[in-house]
Amino acid sequence: MWNRILVLDGAMGTMLQKLGVGTVSTGNDVVDAVYKVHGMYIEAGADIISTHTFTANEGDDIVERNRLFAGVARKAADECKTRKIYVAGSIGPTSKTLTMSNASFDEMQAAYKLQIATLVDSGVDFLLFETFFDTLNLKAALTAARSVAPETPVMVSATIEKNGRLLTGQTLEAFAITVAPFKPMSIGLNCSFGASDMLPHIKALSEIAPFHISAHPNAGFPDEQGVYSETPESMAEAMKPFFQQGLLNIVGGCCGTTPEHIALLSSMAQAYTPHKIPQIKPATRLSGLEPCNFDDFVYVGERTNVAGSKKFARLIAERNFDEALLVARRQVEGGAQVIDICMDDAMLNAKECMAEFLHLAGSDPYIAKVPVMIDSSDWGVIEEALKYTQGKAVVNSISLKEGKDVFVEHAKYIRDFGAAVIVMAFDEEGQATSYARRCQICERAYHILIDEVGFVPEDIIFDPNVLTIATGISEHNNYAVDFINTVKFIKENLPGAKVSGGISNLSFAFRGNNVVREAMHSVFLYHAVNAGLDMAIVNPQMLQV
């Protein structure tokens, strides 16, 4: 299938307008016109035709519309006897944006489940998630697909502004990082603008995304009458660099394109070799609006944690979210590359507070540029929080404390949302306090996550328990050294995994004496980082050189 450049069809909506029928009706005239357009694109050389279901994920007739138009596409594809024609179930982003409105993730996901199940039951070969401008909407769609059709391949295509960011402000690299755990068969761009403006962004995507690359741009920009400017010839000329530079595995057209456009693209596709997927070294990558690559030590801001900041806890209790957001902004200004958000307090409705804070933080471009660490000991809070993070988040934490079955169940849920996970050194016998127990629990969890859950090692982060020293109790004297030695063990024996720690725990015996605490944290981090510690939850403004 991938030994040549595949050709996707062109626009359906503008073609139906040319044929004088509506785009949302299910009447016989529309059905006949859709079938005719499919045939025209197949005759023009399309290998993939997309169902007329882009908007069929809202309203009361989701099942009817998807079954009807998937059937029309399947019929047109199967009637072609000269070559294999694939049917892609077209799925759009809906008219809502989860990041910037109060739309419901659960309701959107439920609609997607209904649409996807119907498309798959009606015989589509794969799912085409196209024109997505909010990655949280896309997560609702991709998690729905994993739930009801886990074996059906998916294509993912975003629409961007000329600055290379999605409408929500997310960069292409951050978008690719967010989507990667869902393992799409292709990733690409569509709509937005014409081919010439899309070229540098497709080139950038082809260099950073370890997937097949697709592009189906508009036929230029529409004029005041809605007529698109690019002729088949001028669009083919604008697409030539895509082929010459080896950027594409799938090529097609979006708004304003016709069978004549597709025919020229099909001829060009036959003359060039497909894009070769780059070999990208496995690495731990998180994302907010911008990427967070673990190239160097990563600081996680701790002040948006009600257990670690009295001020933040008071602001949340007072529901003063505007000022609480300023705490998060100051964390980012102070150098935090990830922000740890925790609402675990007996006096708070943690799930409700987490959802509201994450929603507000997600629409603040300064805060939202960094990834989120969802920090809670309440599984219900974690489940809810994952529905409010448009980037690739990290969950803090899960453990074997409740046994293997619960551990696997929680890990699969986190995996299905495309998040990384922090694993605490707890098991059925309790918290690990010795070097031997820390190593034993981490090694056991590592193999469960990889062999049984399907995590990649780079998305596993261990927290071997930073415990308080200098308490006057002799059993506590070795806690810091044992932690550092456990870091060495993990880096040497659990390849790909990362190590984190909550540094404030170390110095609880000196609460109120910040000079001593800052010195302890700095010395501890010096040795722990040298041993291989990758990230730490700490206030970066309170570290000494």
Protein backbone atom coordinates (compact mmCIF):
# COMPACT_ATOMS: atom_id res chain seq x y z
CA MET A 1 0.00 0.00 0.00
CA TRP A 2 2.77 2.44 0.89
CA ASN A 3 5.12 1.66 -1.99
CA ARG A 4 3.64 4.61 -3.90
CA ILE A 5 1.95 7.93 -3.19
CA LEU A 6 -1.75 7.35 -2.61
CA VAL A 7 -4.29 9.80 -4.01
CA LEU A 8 -7.15 11.06 -1.85
CA ASP A 9 -10.24 12.54 -3.48
CA GLY A 10 -11.09 16.25 -3.60
CA ALA A 11 -13.86 18.43 -2.21
CA MET A 12 -17.38 17.09 -1.86
CA GLY A 13 -19.25 20.17 -0.65
CA THR A 14 -18.23 22.50 -3.47
CA MET A 15 -18.87 19.75 -6.02
CA LEU A 16 -22.41 19.23 -4.71
CA GLN A 17 -22.97 22.97 -4.97
CA LYS A 18 -21.87 22.81 -8.60
CA LEU A 19 -24.40 20.04 -9.16
CA GLY A 20 -27.09 22.21 -7.58
CA VAL A 21 -27.90 20.11 -4.50
CA GLY A 22 -27.56 20.78 -0.79
CA THR A 23 -24.76 19.42 1.36
CA VAL A 24 -26.67 18.33 4.47
CA SER A 25 -29.81 16.71 3.07
CA THR A 26 -30.31 12.96 2.83
CA GLY A 27 -32.77 13.13 -0.07
CA ASN A 28 -32.45 11.00 -3.18
CA ASP A 29 -31.10 13.89 -5.23
CA VAL A 30 -28.21 14.37 -2.77
CA VAL A 31 -27.52 10.62 -2.53
CA ASP A 32 -27.40 10.36 -6.34
CA ALA A 33 -25.11 13.40 -6.56
CA VAL A 34 -22.73 12.07 -3.88
CA TYR A 35 -22.50 8.74 -5.67
CA LYS A 36 -21.79 10.55 -8.94
CA VAL A 37 -19.01 12.66 -7.37
CA HIS A 38 -17.38 9.55 -5.88
CA GLY A 39 -17.34 8.01 -9.36
CA MET A 40 -15.82 11.13 -10.87
CA TYR A 41 -12.98 11.11 -8.34
CA ILE A 42 -12.33 7.40 -8.87
CA GLU A 43 -12.19 7.98 -12.63
CA ALA A 44 -9.78 10.88 -12.01
CA GLY A 45 -7.36 8.51 -10.25
CA ALA A 46 -8.27 8.66 -6.56
CA ASP A 47 -7.22 5.64 -4.50
CA ILE A 48 -9.17 6.83 -1.45
CA ILE A 49 -12.66 8.30 -1.44
CA SER A 50 -14.00 9.92 1.73
CA THR A 51 -17.55 9.55 2.94
CA HIS A 52 -19.93 12.52 2.90
CA THR A 53 -20.04 12.47 6.72
CA PHE A 54 -17.73 15.32 7.75
CA THR A 55 -20.52 17.03 9.73
CA ALA A 56 -22.48 13.88 10.59
CA ASN A 57 -21.52 13.94 14.27
CA GLU A 58 -24.10 16.45 15.52
CA GLY A 59 -27.89 16.26 15.61
CA ASP A 60 -30.41 13.46 16.03
CA ASP A 61 -29.68 11.61 12.78
CA ILE A 62 -26.02 10.62 13.29
CA VAL A 63 -26.62 6.91 12.65
CA GLU A 64 -28.85 7.50 9.62
CA ARG A 65 -26.49 9.91 7.87
CA ASN A 66 -23.33 7.90 8.50
CA ARG A 67 -24.87 4.60 7.46
CA LEU A 68 -26.37 6.14 4.34
CA PHE A 69 -23.30 7.92 3.02
CA ALA A 70 -20.80 5.25 4.08
CA GLY A 71 -22.92 2.83 2.09
CA VAL A 72 -22.88 5.13 -0.95
CA ALA A 73 -19.07 5.39 -0.82
CA ARG A 74 -18.64 1.65 -0.29
CA LYS A 75 -20.87 0.94 -3.30
CA ALA A 76 -18.91 3.33 -5.53
CA ALA A 77 -15.59 1.86 -4.38
CA ASP A 78 -16.63 -1.76 -4.84
CA GLU A 79 -17.93 -1.11 -8.35
CA CYS A 80 -14.43 -0.17 -9.51
CA LYS A 81 -13.03 -3.38 -11.04
CA THR A 82 -9.67 -2.06 -12.23
CA ARG A 83 -8.01 -1.37 -8.87
CA LYS A 84 -8.50 -1.31 -5.11
CA ILE A 85 -10.38 1.76 -3.87
CA TYR A 86 -10.26 2.51 -0.14
CA VAL A 87 -13.10 4.19 1.72
CA ALA A 88 -12.18 6.67 4.45
CA GLY A 89 -14.85 7.58 6.98
CA SER A 90 -14.67 11.40 7.06
CA ILE A 91 -14.97 12.84 10.59
CA GLY A 92 -14.88 16.56 11.28
CA PRO A 93 -14.21 18.57 14.44
CA THR A 94 -17.88 19.56 15.06
CA SER A 95 -18.94 23.20 15.39
CA LYS A 96 -17.60 23.39 18.96
CA THR A 97 -14.16 23.86 20.48
CA LEU A 98 -13.56 22.13 23.80
CA THR A 99 -10.51 24.19 24.74
CA MET A 100 -12.15 27.58 24.36
CA SER A 101 -15.80 26.91 25.20
CA ASN A 102 -17.84 25.09 27.81
CA ALA A 103 -18.72 22.24 25.48
CA SER A 104 -18.82 18.79 27.11
CA PHE A 105 -16.03 16.33 26.36
CA ASP A 106 -18.25 13.40 27.35
CA GLU A 107 -21.08 14.49 25.05
CA MET A 108 -18.70 15.06 22.15
CA GLN A 109 -16.99 11.72 22.72
CA ALA A 110 -20.37 9.96 22.84
CA ALA A 111 -21.35 11.49 19.48
CA TYR A 112 -18.04 10.41 17.98
CA LYS A 113 -18.50 6.87 19.30
CA LEU A 114 -21.88 6.68 17.58
CA GLN A 115 -20.49 8.06 14.32
CA ILE A 116 -17.39 5.85 14.32
CA ALA A 117 -19.26 2.66 15.21
CA THR A 118 -21.73 3.31 12.37
CA LEU A 119 -19.00 4.07 9.84
CA VAL A 120 -17.05 0.94 10.73
CA ASP A 121 -20.19 -1.23 10.68
CA SER A 122 -20.96 0.22 7.24
CA GLY A 123 -17.65 -0.94 5.80
CA VAL A 124 -15.15 1.92 5.78
CA ASP A 125 -11.51 0.85 5.53
CA PHE A 126 -10.18 3.51 7.88
CA LEU A 127 -11.17 6.72 9.65
CA LEU A 128 -10.15 10.18 8.44
CA PHE A 129 -10.13 12.80 11.21
CA GLU A 130 -9.74 15.98 9.17
CA THR A 131 -9.73 19.77 9.56
CA PHE A 132 -9.14 19.60 13.32
CA PHE A 133 -8.17 22.92 14.89
CA ASP A 134 -8.44 21.98 18.59
CA THR A 135 -6.47 18.93 19.72
CA LEU A 136 -8.85 18.39 22.65
CA ASN A 137 -11.67 17.84 20.14
CA LEU A 138 -9.38 15.42 18.34
CA LYS A 139 -8.70 13.58 21.61
CA ALA A 140 -12.44 13.12 22.08
CA ALA A 141 -12.55 11.57 18.61
CA LEU A 142 -9.42 9.43 18.96
CA THR A 143 -10.39 8.07 22.39
CA ALA A 144 -13.82 7.26 20.94
CA ALA A 145 -12.14 5.36 18.10
CA ARG A 146 -9.96 3.41 20.55
CA SER A 147 -13.07 2.49 22.50
CA VAL A 148 -15.37 1.29 19.70
CA ALA A 149 -13.02 0.47 16.80
CA PRO A 150 -9.49 -0.18 18.14
CA GLU A 151 -8.43 -2.20 15.07
CA THR A 152 -9.49 0.37 12.47
CA PRO A 153 -6.58 2.47 11.14
CA VAL A 154 -6.86 6.24 11.47
CA MET A 155 -5.63 9.22 9.46
CA VAL A 156 -5.21 12.51 11.31
CA SER A 157 -5.20 15.89 9.59
CA ALA A 158 -5.12 19.33 11.21
CA THR A 159 -5.85 22.77 9.86
CA ILE A 160 -3.49 25.59 10.83
CA GLU A 161 -2.95 29.32 10.60
CA LYS A 162 -0.17 30.75 8.44
CA ASN A 163 2.04 31.00 11.54
CA GLY A 164 2.07 27.21 11.69
CA ARG A 165 -0.14 26.91 14.77
CA LEU A 166 -3.60 25.46 15.22
CA LEU A 167 -6.42 27.87 16.03
CA THR A 168 -5.90 27.12 19.75
CA GLY A 169 -2.27 28.22 19.43
CA GLN A 170 -0.66 24.78 19.51
CA THR A 171 2.48 24.38 17.41
CA LEU A 172 2.80 21.62 14.83
CA GLU A 173 5.51 19.87 16.84
CA ALA A 174 3.35 19.91 19.98
CA PHE A 175 0.42 18.63 17.90
CA ALA A 176 2.54 15.77 16.56
CA ILE A 177 3.70 14.86 20.09
CA THR A 178 0.09 14.84 21.33
CA VAL A 179 -1.14 12.64 18.49
CA ALA A 180 1.81 10.21 18.37
CA PRO A 181 0.62 7.89 21.20
CA PHE A 182 -2.55 7.17 19.21
CA LYS A 183 -0.38 5.65 16.45
CA PRO A 184 -2.15 7.04 13.37
CA MET A 185 -1.29 5.53 10.01
CA SER A 186 -0.76 9.07 8.72
CA ILE A 187 -0.59 12.63 9.97
CA GLY A 188 -1.01 15.73 7.86
CA LEU A 189 -2.64 19.04 7.02
CA ASN A 190 -5.70 20.03 5.04
CA CYS A 191 -7.90 23.02 4.28
CA SER A 192 -6.35 26.19 5.76
CA PHE A 193 -5.02 27.72 2.54
CA GLY A 194 -3.43 26.86 -0.77
CA ALA A 195 -0.53 24.54 -1.50
CA SER A 196 2.21 27.20 -1.60
CA ASP A 197 1.46 28.39 1.94
CA MET A 198 1.15 24.81 3.20
CA LEU A 199 4.52 23.64 1.81
CA PRO A 200 6.87 24.81 4.64
CA HIS A 201 4.57 23.35 7.29
CA ILE A 202 4.30 19.96 5.58
CA LYS A 203 8.09 19.96 5.21
CA ALA A 204 8.50 20.64 8.94
CA LEU A 205 5.97 17.95 9.84
CA SER A 206 7.67 15.40 7.59
CA GLU A 207 10.92 15.89 9.53
CA ILE A 208 9.53 15.49 13.05
CA ALA A 209 6.64 13.02 12.76
CA PRO A 210 7.47 9.29 12.47
CA PHE A 211 4.37 8.63 10.36
CA HIS A 212 3.21 8.70 6.77
CA ILE A 213 2.46 12.29 5.70
CA SER A 214 -0.68 13.56 3.98
CA ALA A 215 -1.63 16.90 2.45
CA HIS A 216 -4.90 17.97 0.89
CA PRO A 217 -4.89 21.77 0.59
CA ASN A 218 -7.59 24.06 -0.72
CA ALA A 219 -7.58 25.23 -4.32
CA GLY A 220 -6.19 28.56 -3.12
CA PHE A 221 -8.39 31.20 -1.52
CA PRO A 222 -12.04 31.87 -2.42
CA ASP A 223 -13.04 35.24 -3.85
CA GLU A 224 -16.06 37.28 -2.75
CA GLN A 225 -18.35 34.93 -4.67
CA GLY A 226 -16.82 31.85 -2.99
CA VAL A 227 -14.94 30.77 -6.13
CA TYR A 228 -11.52 29.24 -5.38
CA SER A 229 -8.59 30.78 -7.22
CA GLU A 230 -6.39 27.80 -8.12
CA THR A 231 -7.05 26.09 -11.45
CA PRO A 232 -6.10 22.41 -11.78
CA GLU A 233 -2.94 23.50 -13.61
CA SER A 234 -1.86 26.20 -11.14
CA MET A 235 -2.53 23.93 -8.14
CA ALA A 236 -0.52 21.11 -9.72
CA GLU A 237 2.36 23.53 -10.27
CA ALA A 238 2.15 24.67 -6.64
CA MET A 239 2.13 21.03 -5.48
CA LYS A 240 5.20 20.08 -7.51
CA PRO A 241 7.73 20.88 -4.71
CA PHE A 242 5.83 18.51 -2.37
CA PHE A 243 6.56 15.66 -4.78
CA GLN A 244 10.07 16.77 -5.72
CA GLN A 245 11.15 17.00 -2.06
CA GLY A 246 9.67 13.59 -1.20
CA LEU A 247 7.29 14.94 1.44
CA LEU A 248 4.11 12.95 0.77
CA ASN A 249 2.56 9.54 1.16
CA ILE A 250 -1.02 10.73 0.56
CA VAL A 251 -2.06 13.67 -1.61
CA GLY A 252 -5.49 15.09 -2.33
CA GLY A 253 -7.59 18.22 -2.39
CA CYS A 254 -9.84 20.11 -0.01
CA CYS A 255 -12.22 23.03 -0.56
CA GLY A 256 -12.61 24.10 -4.19
CA THR A 257 -10.84 21.12 -5.72
CA THR A 258 -12.51 19.09 -8.47
CA PRO A 259 -11.92 15.82 -10.31
CA GLU A 260 -9.78 17.83 -12.77
CA HIS A 261 -7.50 18.89 -9.90
CA ILE A 262 -7.26 15.31 -8.65
CA ALA A 263 -6.51 13.95 -12.12
CA LEU A 264 -3.40 16.13 -12.40
CA LEU A 265 -2.29 15.29 -8.86
CA SER A 266 -2.77 11.59 -9.63
CA SER A 267 -0.53 11.84 -12.70
CA MET A 268 2.17 13.59 -10.67
CA ALA A 269 1.90 11.06 -7.83
CA GLN A 270 2.76 8.24 -10.21
CA ALA A 271 5.98 9.98 -11.25
CA TYR A 272 7.49 10.44 -7.78
CA THR A 273 8.56 8.26 -4.88
CA PRO A 274 6.75 8.47 -1.55
CA HIS A 275 8.00 10.10 1.63
CA LYS A 276 10.34 7.96 3.70
CA ILE A 277 9.41 7.98 7.39
CA PRO A 278 12.29 9.49 9.40
CA GLN A 279 14.02 7.37 12.03
CA ILE A 280 13.45 9.42 15.16
CA LYS A 281 15.28 8.36 18.31
CA PRO A 282 12.83 7.29 21.05
CA ALA A 283 12.54 10.02 23.68
CA THR A 284 10.22 11.27 26.38
CA ARG A 285 8.12 14.09 24.97
CA LEU A 286 5.26 16.03 26.54
CA SER A 287 3.35 18.98 25.14
CA GLY A 288 1.13 21.89 25.93
CA LEU A 289 0.77 24.47 23.20
CA GLU A 290 4.51 23.98 22.78
CA PRO A 291 6.69 20.87 22.98
CA CYS A 292 8.60 19.74 26.06
CA ASN A 293 11.45 17.43 25.11
CA PHE A 294 13.49 15.82 27.87
CA ASP A 295 16.79 16.92 26.36
CA ASP A 296 17.90 18.42 29.68
CA PHE A 297 16.68 18.30 33.26
CA VAL A 298 12.99 19.26 33.53
CA TYR A 299 11.67 21.43 36.35
CA VAL A 300 8.04 20.89 37.37
CA GLY A 301 6.44 23.88 39.10
CA GLU A 302 4.98 22.83 42.47
CA ARG A 303 3.07 25.94 43.56
CA THR A 304 -0.22 25.03 41.84
CA ASN A 305 -0.63 22.22 44.36
CA VAL A 306 -3.02 22.83 47.27
CA ALA A 307 -0.91 20.55 49.45
CA GLY A 308 2.29 22.44 48.72
CA SER A 309 1.13 26.07 48.74
CA LYS A 310 -1.10 27.60 51.41
CA LYS A 311 -1.73 30.60 49.18
CA PHE A 312 -2.86 28.50 46.23
CA ALA A 313 -5.05 26.36 48.52
CA ARG A 314 -6.71 29.50 49.90
CA LEU A 315 -7.36 30.92 46.43
CA ILE A 316 -8.96 27.69 45.25
CA ALA A 317 -11.08 27.43 48.41
CA GLU A 318 -12.26 31.00 47.78
CA ARG A 319 -12.84 30.11 44.11
CA ASN A 320 -10.60 33.00 43.19
CA PHE A 321 -9.44 31.32 39.99
CA ASP A 322 -8.22 34.53 38.37
CA GLU A 323 -5.56 35.01 41.03
CA ALA A 324 -4.86 31.27 41.17
CA LEU A 325 -4.02 31.44 37.46
CA LEU A 326 -1.43 34.11 38.27
CA VAL A 327 0.32 31.56 40.49
CA ALA A 328 0.55 29.25 37.50
CA ARG A 329 1.84 32.06 35.28
CA ARG A 330 4.57 32.90 37.80
CA GLN A 331 5.62 29.24 37.81
CA VAL A 332 6.16 29.38 34.04
CA GLU A 333 7.91 32.76 34.30
CA GLY A 334 10.18 31.27 36.98
CA GLY A 335 11.38 28.50 34.68
CA ALA A 336 8.93 25.64 35.22
CA GLN A 337 8.72 23.53 32.05
CA VAL A 338 5.72 21.56 33.39
CA ILE A 339 3.18 22.65 36.00
CA ASP A 340 1.98 20.24 38.67
CA ILE A 341 -1.71 20.77 39.43
CA CYS A 342 -3.21 19.12 42.50
CA MET A 343 -6.59 19.80 44.16
CA ASP A 344 -6.53 17.01 46.75
CA ASP A 345 -7.95 18.58 49.89
CA ALA A 346 -10.73 17.31 52.14
CA MET A 347 -12.43 20.74 52.08
CA LEU A 348 -12.55 20.90 48.25
CA ASN A 349 -14.53 19.18 45.54
CA ALA A 350 -11.28 18.13 43.88
CA LYS A 351 -12.83 16.90 40.62
CA GLU A 352 -14.82 20.08 40.09
CA CYS A 353 -11.93 22.38 41.03
CA MET A 354 -9.48 20.49 38.81
CA ALA A 355 -11.83 20.66 35.82
CA GLU A 356 -12.49 24.38 36.19
CA PHE A 357 -8.85 25.31 36.76
CA LEU A 358 -7.61 23.22 33.82
CA HIS A 359 -10.26 24.68 31.54
CA LEU A 360 -9.26 28.23 32.45
CA ALA A 361 -5.54 27.44 32.26
CA GLY A 362 -6.05 25.80 28.86
CA SER A 363 -7.39 29.02 27.39
CA ASP A 364 -4.53 31.12 28.80
CA PRO A 365 -1.82 30.95 26.12
CA TYR A 366 1.02 31.70 28.52
CA ILE A 367 0.13 28.95 30.98
CA ALA A 368 -1.08 26.51 28.33
CA LYS A 369 2.21 26.55 26.47
CA VAL A 370 3.70 24.12 29.02
CA PRO A 371 2.45 20.56 29.67
CA VAL A 372 0.30 19.69 32.66
CA MET A 373 1.14 17.20 35.39
CA ILE A 374 -2.20 15.91 36.67
CA ASP A 375 -1.50 15.22 40.33
CA SER A 376 -4.05 13.36 42.43
CA SER A 377 -4.48 10.30 44.62
CA ASP A 378 -8.18 10.22 43.62
CA TRP A 379 -8.65 8.20 40.43
CA GLY A 380 -11.91 10.01 39.63
CA VAL A 381 -10.03 13.32 39.57
CA ILE A 382 -7.45 11.92 37.14
CA GLU A 383 -10.18 10.55 34.85
CA GLU A 384 -11.85 13.96 34.72
CA ALA A 385 -8.65 15.96 34.36
CA LEU A 386 -7.54 14.07 31.24
CA LYS A 387 -10.61 15.47 29.48
CA TYR A 388 -9.29 19.03 29.89
CA THR A 389 -5.73 18.75 28.56
CA GLN A 390 -5.24 19.41 24.87
CA GLY A 391 -1.54 18.52 24.91
CA LYS A 392 0.24 15.38 26.04
CA ALA A 393 -0.02 15.43 29.81
CA VAL A 394 1.63 13.30 32.48
CA VAL A 395 -0.43 11.66 35.25
CA ASN A 396 0.96 11.68 38.79
CA SER A 397 0.41 9.00 39.81
CA ILE A 398 -0.56 5.34 39.79
CA SER A 399 0.92 2.46 41.79
CA LEU A 400 0.55 -1.20 42.63
CA LYS A 401 -0.87 -0.29 46.05
CA GLU A 402 -4.34 -1.63 45.16
CA GLY A 403 -2.98 -4.65 43.31
CA LYS A 404 -2.04 -5.50 39.77
CA ASP A 405 -5.58 -5.55 38.30
CA VAL A 406 -6.39 -1.98 39.35
CA PHE A 407 -2.92 -0.85 38.27
CA VAL A 408 -3.43 -2.28 34.77
CA GLU A 409 -6.94 -0.83 34.48
CA HIS A 410 -5.76 2.66 35.39
CA ALA A 411 -2.68 2.41 33.16
CA LYS A 412 -4.79 1.43 30.14
CA TYR A 413 -7.08 4.41 30.66
CA ILE A 414 -4.09 6.77 30.79
CA ARG A 415 -2.57 5.10 27.71
CA ASP A 416 -5.84 5.51 25.81
CA PHE A 417 -5.72 9.27 26.45
CA GLY A 418 -2.18 9.43 25.09
CA ALA A 419 -0.63 10.60 28.37
CA ALA A 420 2.62 9.67 30.07
CA VAL A 421 2.48 8.22 33.57
CA ILE A 422 4.35 8.54 36.86
CA VAL A 423 4.54 5.36 38.91
CA MET A 424 5.09 5.60 42.64
CA ALA A 425 7.14 2.96 44.47
CA PHE A 426 4.17 1.50 46.33
CA ASP A 427 2.78 -2.02 46.16
CA GLU A 428 0.35 -4.22 48.06
CA GLU A 429 2.75 -4.28 51.03
CA GLY A 430 3.00 -0.48 51.28
CA GLN A 431 5.45 2.30 50.47
CA ALA A 432 9.01 1.36 49.55
CA THR A 433 11.49 2.94 51.95
CA SER A 434 14.58 0.82 51.31
CA TYR A 435 16.79 0.64 48.24
CA ALA A 436 15.90 -3.02 47.59
CA ARG A 437 12.13 -2.48 47.81
CA ARG A 438 12.27 0.58 45.57
CA CYS A 439 14.14 -1.36 42.88
CA GLN A 440 11.88 -4.40 43.16
CA ILE A 441 8.62 -2.43 42.78
CA CYS A 442 9.85 -0.24 39.93
CA GLU A 443 11.12 -3.23 37.97
CA ARG A 444 7.84 -5.11 38.42
CA ALA A 445 5.74 -2.11 37.34
CA TYR A 446 7.97 -1.46 34.32
CA HIS A 447 7.44 -4.92 32.87
CA ILE A 448 3.68 -4.86 33.50
CA LEU A 449 3.33 -1.50 31.73
CA ILE A 450 5.36 -2.59 28.70
CA ASP A 451 4.37 -6.25 28.35
CA GLU A 452 0.70 -6.11 29.38
CA VAL A 453 -0.48 -2.53 28.91
CA GLY A 454 1.45 -1.48 25.83
CA PHE A 455 3.25 1.59 27.12
CA VAL A 456 6.46 2.63 25.41
CA PRO A 457 9.32 2.92 27.96
CA GLU A 458 9.75 6.63 27.27
CA ASP A 459 6.24 7.35 28.61
CA ILE A 460 7.00 5.69 31.96
CA ILE A 461 8.37 7.91 34.75
CA PHE A 462 9.20 6.48 38.16
CA ASP A 463 9.02 8.32 41.46
CA PRO A 464 10.97 6.14 43.94
CA ASN A 465 9.77 8.25 46.89
CA VAL A 466 11.76 11.24 48.13
CA LEU A 467 11.35 10.84 51.88
CA THR A 468 12.18 13.17 54.75
CA ILE A 469 15.69 13.05 56.25
CA ALA A 470 17.24 14.63 59.35
CA THR A 471 14.19 13.82 61.49
CA GLY A 472 16.19 12.46 64.43
CA ILE A 473 15.00 8.91 63.63
CA SER A 474 17.93 6.72 62.64
CA GLU A 475 15.87 4.66 60.15
CA HIS A 476 15.45 7.83 58.06
CA ASN A 477 19.16 8.60 57.74
CA ASN A 478 19.68 6.74 54.47
CA TYR A 479 16.50 7.80 52.66
CA ALA A 480 18.20 10.34 50.39
CA VAL A 481 21.13 8.09 49.48
CA ASP A 482 18.79 5.16 48.81
CA PHE A 483 16.73 7.35 46.47
CA ILE A 484 19.84 8.41 44.54
CA ASN A 485 21.01 4.81 44.25
CA THR A 486 17.55 3.77 43.02
CA VAL A 487 17.80 6.41 40.29
CA LYS A 488 21.03 4.75 39.16
CA PHE A 489 19.36 1.32 39.18
CA ILE A 490 16.44 2.50 37.06
CA LYS A 491 18.66 4.18 34.48
CA GLU A 492 20.89 1.10 34.21
CA ASN A 493 18.21 -1.64 34.28
CA LEU A 494 14.91 -0.18 32.99
CA PRO A 495 15.88 1.28 29.60
CA GLY A 496 13.96 4.29 28.34
CA ALA A 497 12.20 5.02 31.64
CA LYS A 498 12.58 8.39 33.32
CA VAL A 499 12.83 9.27 37.01
CA SER A 500 11.14 12.07 38.92
CA GLY A 501 10.79 13.16 42.54
CA GLY A 502 8.97 15.61 44.77
CA ILE A 503 11.94 17.43 46.25
CA SER A 504 10.15 19.37 49.02
CA ASN A 505 9.52 16.14 50.91
CA LEU A 506 13.25 15.87 51.60
CA SER A 507 13.39 18.83 53.98
CA PHE A 508 10.06 18.72 55.83
CA ALA A 509 11.98 18.47 59.09
CA PHE A 510 13.13 22.08 58.50
CA ARG A 511 9.80 23.69 57.62
CA GLY A 512 10.05 27.40 58.30
CA ASN A 513 13.78 27.55 57.66
CA ASN A 514 13.93 28.24 53.94
CA VAL A 515 17.68 28.88 53.85
CA VAL A 516 18.42 25.35 55.06
CA ARG A 517 15.67 23.84 52.88
CA GLU A 518 16.93 25.53 49.70
CA ALA A 519 20.48 24.37 50.41
CA MET A 520 19.34 20.79 51.03
CA HIS A 521 17.29 20.74 47.82
CA SER A 522 20.16 22.09 45.76
CA VAL A 523 22.74 19.63 47.09
CA PHE A 524 20.32 16.72 46.77
CA LEU A 525 19.45 17.66 43.18
CA TYR A 526 23.13 17.98 42.29
CA HIS A 527 23.77 14.36 43.25
CA ALA A 528 20.43 13.01 42.02
CA VAL A 529 20.78 14.63 38.58
CA ASN A 530 24.30 13.23 38.28
CA ALA A 531 22.81 9.81 39.04
CA GLY A 532 20.28 10.26 36.22
CA LEU A 533 17.26 12.08 37.71
CA ASP A 534 15.28 13.52 34.77
CA MET A 535 12.72 15.79 36.38
CA ALA A 536 11.71 17.12 39.76
CA ILE A 537 8.69 18.78 41.31
CA VAL A 538 10.22 21.85 42.89
CA ASN A 539 9.87 25.60 43.03
CA PRO A 540 12.69 26.57 40.62
CA GLN A 541 12.80 30.06 42.15
CA MET A 542 13.88 28.53 45.47
CA LEU A 543 17.08 26.76 44.45
CA GLN A 544 20.61 27.85 45.27
CA VAL A 545 23.46 27.62 42.81
